[in-house]
């Protein structure tokens, strides 16, 4: 009797599937690491965009002469402010968000979105409490994304600020 042996046996199929599962198991952590690194790179670029926007804004004569913008400009040089929150700014009657001053309007126009919407663009946050903290130190604008992890890990508890994403200097 002649056997017509077309196709694969069940054992061959199971072995093939097992090999594929092992390969996928080895590749998954590497792929996840690359995804997290791309998120961090995106956030560094976003922080740099915000830094450039602030630099342009604080050198704009219209904004410097705008009386409602003064408390915010002063706060930038004296400890900084979180630009995307509704937290009060020292010396100002309201938070920067919703103040209607030229500084906020210029930033909104340059960035293409309202300041509270910025936080939705952050990709590497792993919990709440992330803010864009902006301050001017030695005439240089510094932007920090608080409670993020530039190493690509998930250490966002806030107890390691040296790992927070900062704009390139």
C-alpha atoms as a PDB file:
ATOM      1  CA  UNK A   1       0.000   0.000   0.000  1.00  0.00           C
ATOM      2  CA  UNK A   2       1.352   3.365  -1.054  1.00  0.00           C
ATOM      3  CA  UNK A   3       1.152   6.241   1.457  1.00  0.00           C
ATOM      4  CA  UNK A   4       0.501   9.700   0.153  1.00  0.00           C
ATOM      5  CA  UNK A   5       2.576  11.817   2.571  1.00  0.00           C
ATOM      6  CA  UNK A   6       1.691  15.368   1.683  1.00  0.00           C
ATOM      7  CA  UNK A   7       1.969  17.995   4.434  1.00  0.00           C
ATOM      8  CA  UNK A   8       3.498  18.187   7.874  1.00  0.00           C
ATOM      9  CA  UNK A   9       2.955  15.915  10.799  1.00  0.00           C
ATOM     10  CA  UNK A  10       1.524  17.204  14.063  1.00  0.00           C
ATOM     11  CA  UNK A  11       4.895  16.829  15.803  1.00  0.00           C
ATOM     12  CA  UNK A  12       6.638  18.952  13.161  1.00  0.00           C
ATOM     13  CA  UNK A  13       4.048  21.711  13.558  1.00  0.00           C
ATOM     14  CA  UNK A  14       4.326  21.707  17.365  1.00  0.00           C
ATOM     15  CA  UNK A  15       8.131  21.927  17.196  1.00  0.00           C
ATOM     16  CA  UNK A  16       7.918  24.848  14.743  1.00  0.00           C
ATOM     17  CA  UNK A  17       5.463  26.718  16.963  1.00  0.00           C
ATOM     18  CA  UNK A  18       7.671  26.112  20.031  1.00  0.00           C
ATOM     19  CA  UNK A  19      10.731  27.516  18.247  1.00  0.00           C
ATOM     20  CA  UNK A  20       8.758  30.597  17.167  1.00  0.00           C
ATOM     21  CA  UNK A  21       7.509  31.131  20.747  1.00  0.00           C
ATOM     22  CA  UNK A  22      11.084  30.988  22.071  1.00  0.00           C
ATOM     23  CA  UNK A  23      12.261  33.513  19.479  1.00  0.00           C
ATOM     24  CA  UNK A  24       9.378  35.876  20.258  1.00  0.00           C
ATOM     25  CA  UNK A  25      10.109  35.542  23.967  1.00  0.00           C
ATOM     26  CA  UNK A  26      13.716  36.594  23.356  1.00  0.00           C
ATOM     27  CA  UNK A  27      12.807  39.524  21.075  1.00  0.00           C
ATOM     28  CA  UNK A  28       9.925  41.090  23.059  1.00  0.00           C
ATOM     29  CA  UNK A  29      12.070  42.746  25.791  1.00  0.00           C
ATOM     30  CA  UNK A  30      14.374  44.245  23.156  1.00  0.00           C
ATOM     31  CA  UNK A  31      11.454  45.676  21.208  1.00  0.00           C
ATOM     32  CA  UNK A  32       9.888  47.130  24.358  1.00  0.00           C
ATOM     33  CA  UNK A  33      13.195  48.784  25.233  1.00  0.00           C
ATOM     34  CA  UNK A  34      13.365  50.431  21.795  1.00  0.00           C
ATOM     35  CA  UNK A  35       9.776  51.658  22.111  1.00  0.00           C
ATOM     36  CA  UNK A  36      10.548  53.259  25.493  1.00  0.00           C
ATOM     37  CA  UNK A  37      13.715  54.897  24.122  1.00  0.00           C
ATOM     38  CA  UNK A  38      11.726  56.401  21.259  1.00  0.00           C
ATOM     39  CA  UNK A  39       9.208  57.811  23.742  1.00  0.00           C
ATOM     40  CA  UNK A  40      12.022  59.431  25.742  1.00  0.00           C
ATOM     41  CA  UNK A  41      13.519  60.888  22.538  1.00  0.00           C
ATOM     42  CA  UNK A  42      10.135  62.333  21.628  1.00  0.00           C
ATOM     43  CA  UNK A  43       9.813  63.947  25.057  1.00  0.00           C
ATOM     44  CA  UNK A  44      13.315  65.419  24.886  1.00  0.00           C
ATOM     45  CA  UNK A  45      12.383  66.990  21.542  1.00  0.00           C
ATOM     46  CA  UNK A  46       9.135  68.337  23.030  1.00  0.00           C
ATOM     47  CA  UNK A  47      11.024  69.844  25.996  1.00  0.00           C
ATOM     48  CA  UNK A  48      13.467  71.456  23.568  1.00  0.00           C
ATOM     49  CA  UNK A  49      10.568  72.905  21.554  1.00  0.00           C
ATOM     50  CA  UNK A  50       9.082  74.395  24.728  1.00  0.00           C
ATOM     51  CA  UNK A  51      12.528  75.770  25.668  1.00  0.00           C
ATOM     52  CA  UNK A  52      12.857  77.458  22.280  1.00  0.00           C
ATOM     53  CA  UNK A  53       9.370  78.902  22.606  1.00  0.00           C
ATOM     54  CA  UNK A  54      10.135  80.325  26.069  1.00  0.00           C
ATOM     55  CA  UNK A  55      13.474  81.735  24.871  1.00  0.00           C
ATOM     56  CA  UNK A  56      11.741  83.524  22.006  1.00  0.00           C
ATOM     57  CA  UNK A  57       8.976  84.757  24.293  1.00  0.00           C
ATOM     58  CA  UNK A  58      11.207  86.208  27.025  1.00  0.00           C
ATOM     59  CA  UNK A  59      13.209  88.162  24.458  1.00  0.00           C
ATOM     60  CA  UNK A  60      10.139  89.565  22.678  1.00  0.00           C
ATOM     61  CA  UNK A  61       9.862  93.295  23.427  1.00  0.00           C
ATOM     62  CA  UNK A  62       6.057  93.174  23.316  1.00  0.00           C
ATOM     63  CA  UNK A  63       6.015  90.537  26.056  1.00  0.00           C
ATOM     64  CA  UNK A  64       8.701  92.263  28.147  1.00  0.00           C
ATOM     65  CA  UNK A  65       6.644  95.465  28.090  1.00  0.00           C
ATOM     66  CA  UNK A  66       3.331  93.654  28.727  1.00  0.00           C
ATOM     67  CA  UNK A  67       2.405  94.446  32.342  1.00  0.00           C
ATOM     68  CA  UNK A  68       0.228  91.302  32.851  1.00  0.00           C
ATOM     69  CA  UNK A  69       3.189  89.130  31.731  1.00  0.00           C
ATOM     70  CA  UNK A  70       5.632  90.606  34.269  1.00  0.00           C
ATOM     71  CA  UNK A  71       4.802  88.369  37.264  1.00  0.00           C
ATOM     72  CA  UNK A  72       5.322  85.291  35.108  1.00  0.00           C
ATOM     73  CA  UNK A  73       8.611  86.554  33.681  1.00  0.00           C
ATOM     74  CA  UNK A  74       9.775  87.350  37.234  1.00  0.00           C
ATOM     75  CA  UNK A  75       8.711  83.893  38.442  1.00  0.00           C
ATOM     76  CA  UNK A  76      10.700  82.259  35.624  1.00  0.00           C
ATOM     77  CA  UNK A  77      13.861  83.870  37.005  1.00  0.00           C
ATOM     78  CA  UNK A  78      13.022  83.178  40.664  1.00  0.00           C
ATOM     79  CA  UNK A  79      12.518  79.434  40.989  1.00  0.00           C
ATOM     80  CA  UNK A  80      10.538  78.797  37.824  1.00  0.00           C
ATOM     81  CA  UNK A  81       6.939  77.844  37.153  1.00  0.00           C
ATOM     82  CA  UNK A  82       4.961  74.847  35.969  1.00  0.00           C
ATOM     83  CA  UNK A  83       3.543  76.219  32.718  1.00  0.00           C
ATOM     84  CA  UNK A  84       0.908  73.549  32.113  1.00  0.00           C
ATOM     85  CA  UNK A  85      -0.938  73.605  35.432  1.00  0.00           C
ATOM     86  CA  UNK A  86      -3.458  75.754  37.191  1.00  0.00           C
ATOM     87  CA  UNK A  87      -1.157  76.124  40.203  1.00  0.00           C
ATOM     88  CA  UNK A  88      -0.780  79.728  41.366  1.00  0.00           C
ATOM     89  CA  UNK A  89       2.351  81.593  40.350  1.00  0.00           C
ATOM     90  CA  UNK A  90       4.026  83.602  43.120  1.00  0.00           C
ATOM     91  CA  UNK A  91       3.415  87.311  42.594  1.00  0.00           C
ATOM     92  CA  UNK A  92       0.718  86.761  39.961  1.00  0.00           C
ATOM     93  CA  UNK A  93      -3.024  87.066  40.382  1.00  0.00           C
ATOM     94  CA  UNK A  94      -3.623  83.798  38.499  1.00  0.00           C
ATOM     95  CA  UNK A  95      -1.755  80.813  37.053  1.00  0.00           C
ATOM     96  CA  UNK A  96      -0.125  81.273  33.658  1.00  0.00           C
ATOM     97  CA  UNK A  97      -2.729  78.935  32.168  1.00  0.00           C
ATOM     98  CA  UNK A  98      -5.774  81.047  31.452  1.00  0.00           C
ATOM     99  CA  UNK A  99      -4.145  84.349  32.380  1.00  0.00           C
ATOM    100  CA  UNK A 100      -4.644  85.834  28.922  1.00  0.00           C
ATOM    101  CA  UNK A 101      -1.304  87.668  29.072  1.00  0.00           C
ATOM    102  CA  UNK A 102       0.864  88.045  25.968  1.00  0.00           C
ATOM    103  CA  UNK A 103       3.335  85.449  27.271  1.00  0.00           C
ATOM    104  CA  UNK A 104       0.638  82.762  27.378  1.00  0.00           C
ATOM    105  CA  UNK A 105      -0.868  83.826  24.053  1.00  0.00           C
ATOM    106  CA  UNK A 106       2.548  83.793  22.333  1.00  0.00           C
ATOM    107  CA  UNK A 107       3.337  80.344  23.716  1.00  0.00           C
ATOM    108  CA  UNK A 108      -0.058  79.019  22.653  1.00  0.00           C
ATOM    109  CA  UNK A 109       0.439  80.395  19.153  1.00  0.00           C
ATOM    110  CA  UNK A 110       4.007  79.112  18.818  1.00  0.00           C
ATOM    111  CA  UNK A 111       3.314  75.643  20.221  1.00  0.00           C
ATOM    112  CA  UNK A 112       0.014  75.277  18.385  1.00  0.00           C
ATOM    113  CA  UNK A 113      -1.936  74.230  21.470  1.00  0.00           C
ATOM    114  CA  UNK A 114      -3.048  75.522  24.833  1.00  0.00           C
ATOM    115  CA  UNK A 115      -0.603  75.030  27.688  1.00  0.00           C
ATOM    116  CA  UNK A 116      -2.673  72.417  29.582  1.00  0.00           C
ATOM    117  CA  UNK A 117      -2.752  70.305  26.405  1.00  0.00           C
ATOM    118  CA  UNK A 118       1.072  70.055  26.404  1.00  0.00           C
ATOM    119  CA  UNK A 119       1.024  67.346  29.033  1.00  0.00           C
ATOM    120  CA  UNK A 120      -1.008  65.130  26.697  1.00  0.00           C
ATOM    121  CA  UNK A 121       1.948  65.132  24.306  1.00  0.00           C
ATOM    122  CA  UNK A 122       4.311  63.572  26.883  1.00  0.00           C
ATOM    123  CA  UNK A 123       4.948  59.950  25.963  1.00  0.00           C
ATOM    124  CA  UNK A 124       7.288  58.644  28.683  1.00  0.00           C
ATOM    125  CA  UNK A 125       5.245  59.401  31.775  1.00  0.00           C
ATOM    126  CA  UNK A 126       4.119  56.406  33.812  1.00  0.00           C
ATOM    127  CA  UNK A 127       1.775  58.049  36.265  1.00  0.00           C
ATOM    128  CA  UNK A 128       0.267  61.349  37.224  1.00  0.00           C
ATOM    129  CA  UNK A 129       2.001  64.471  38.419  1.00  0.00           C
ATOM    130  CA  UNK A 130       4.133  65.181  35.361  1.00  0.00           C
ATOM    131  CA  UNK A 131       4.584  68.902  34.608  1.00  0.00           C
ATOM    132  CA  UNK A 132       6.656  71.176  32.404  1.00  0.00           C
ATOM    133  CA  UNK A 133       8.774  73.066  34.923  1.00  0.00           C
ATOM    134  CA  UNK A 134      10.457  76.077  33.328  1.00  0.00           C
ATOM    135  CA  UNK A 135      13.034  78.352  34.898  1.00  0.00           C
ATOM    136  CA  UNK A 136      15.729  80.761  33.793  1.00  0.00           C
ATOM    137  CA  UNK A 137      19.147  80.129  35.327  1.00  0.00           C
ATOM    138  CA  UNK A 138      22.096  82.331  34.336  1.00  0.00           C
ATOM    139  CA  UNK A 139      20.138  83.698  31.353  1.00  0.00           C
ATOM    140  CA  UNK A 140      19.502  80.188  30.027  1.00  0.00           C
ATOM    141  CA  UNK A 141      16.047  78.631  29.855  1.00  0.00           C
ATOM    142  CA  UNK A 142      15.759  75.191  31.445  1.00  0.00           C
ATOM    143  CA  UNK A 143      12.724  72.974  30.848  1.00  0.00           C
ATOM    144  CA  UNK A 144      12.231  69.850  32.952  1.00  0.00           C
ATOM    145  CA  UNK A 145       9.527  67.243  32.577  1.00  0.00           C
ATOM    146  CA  UNK A 146       8.994  66.268  36.191  1.00  0.00           C
ATOM    147  CA  UNK A 147       8.366  62.652  37.165  1.00  0.00           C
ATOM    148  CA  UNK A 148       9.668  61.152  33.943  1.00  0.00           C
ATOM    149  CA  UNK A 149      12.667  58.873  33.429  1.00  0.00           C
ATOM    150  CA  UNK A 150      15.190  59.768  30.742  1.00  0.00           C
ATOM    151  CA  UNK A 151      16.923  56.413  31.197  1.00  0.00           C
ATOM    152  CA  UNK A 152      13.933  54.699  29.592  1.00  0.00           C
ATOM    153  CA  UNK A 153      13.017  52.985  32.831  1.00  0.00           C
ATOM    154  CA  UNK A 154       9.917  53.470  34.865  1.00  0.00           C
ATOM    155  CA  UNK A 155      11.457  55.353  37.803  1.00  0.00           C
ATOM    156  CA  UNK A 156       8.996  58.242  37.852  1.00  0.00           C
ATOM    157  CA  UNK A 157       8.304  58.441  41.566  1.00  0.00           C
ATOM    158  CA  UNK A 158       9.842  61.902  41.828  1.00  0.00           C
ATOM    159  CA  UNK A 159      12.534  60.810  44.271  1.00  0.00           C
ATOM    160  CA  UNK A 160      15.197  60.839  41.538  1.00  0.00           C
ATOM    161  CA  UNK A 161      14.936  64.261  39.879  1.00  0.00           C
ATOM    162  CA  UNK A 162      18.302  63.689  38.176  1.00  0.00           C
ATOM    163  CA  UNK A 163      16.475  61.220  35.900  1.00  0.00           C
ATOM    164  CA  UNK A 164      13.799  63.752  34.859  1.00  0.00           C
ATOM    165  CA  UNK A 165      13.808  64.649  31.168  1.00  0.00           C
ATOM    166  CA  UNK A 166      15.395  68.050  30.565  1.00  0.00           C
ATOM    167  CA  UNK A 167      15.707  70.128  27.434  1.00  0.00           C
ATOM    168  CA  UNK A 168      19.125  69.949  25.780  1.00  0.00           C
ATOM    169  CA  UNK A 169      21.393  72.831  26.691  1.00  0.00           C
END
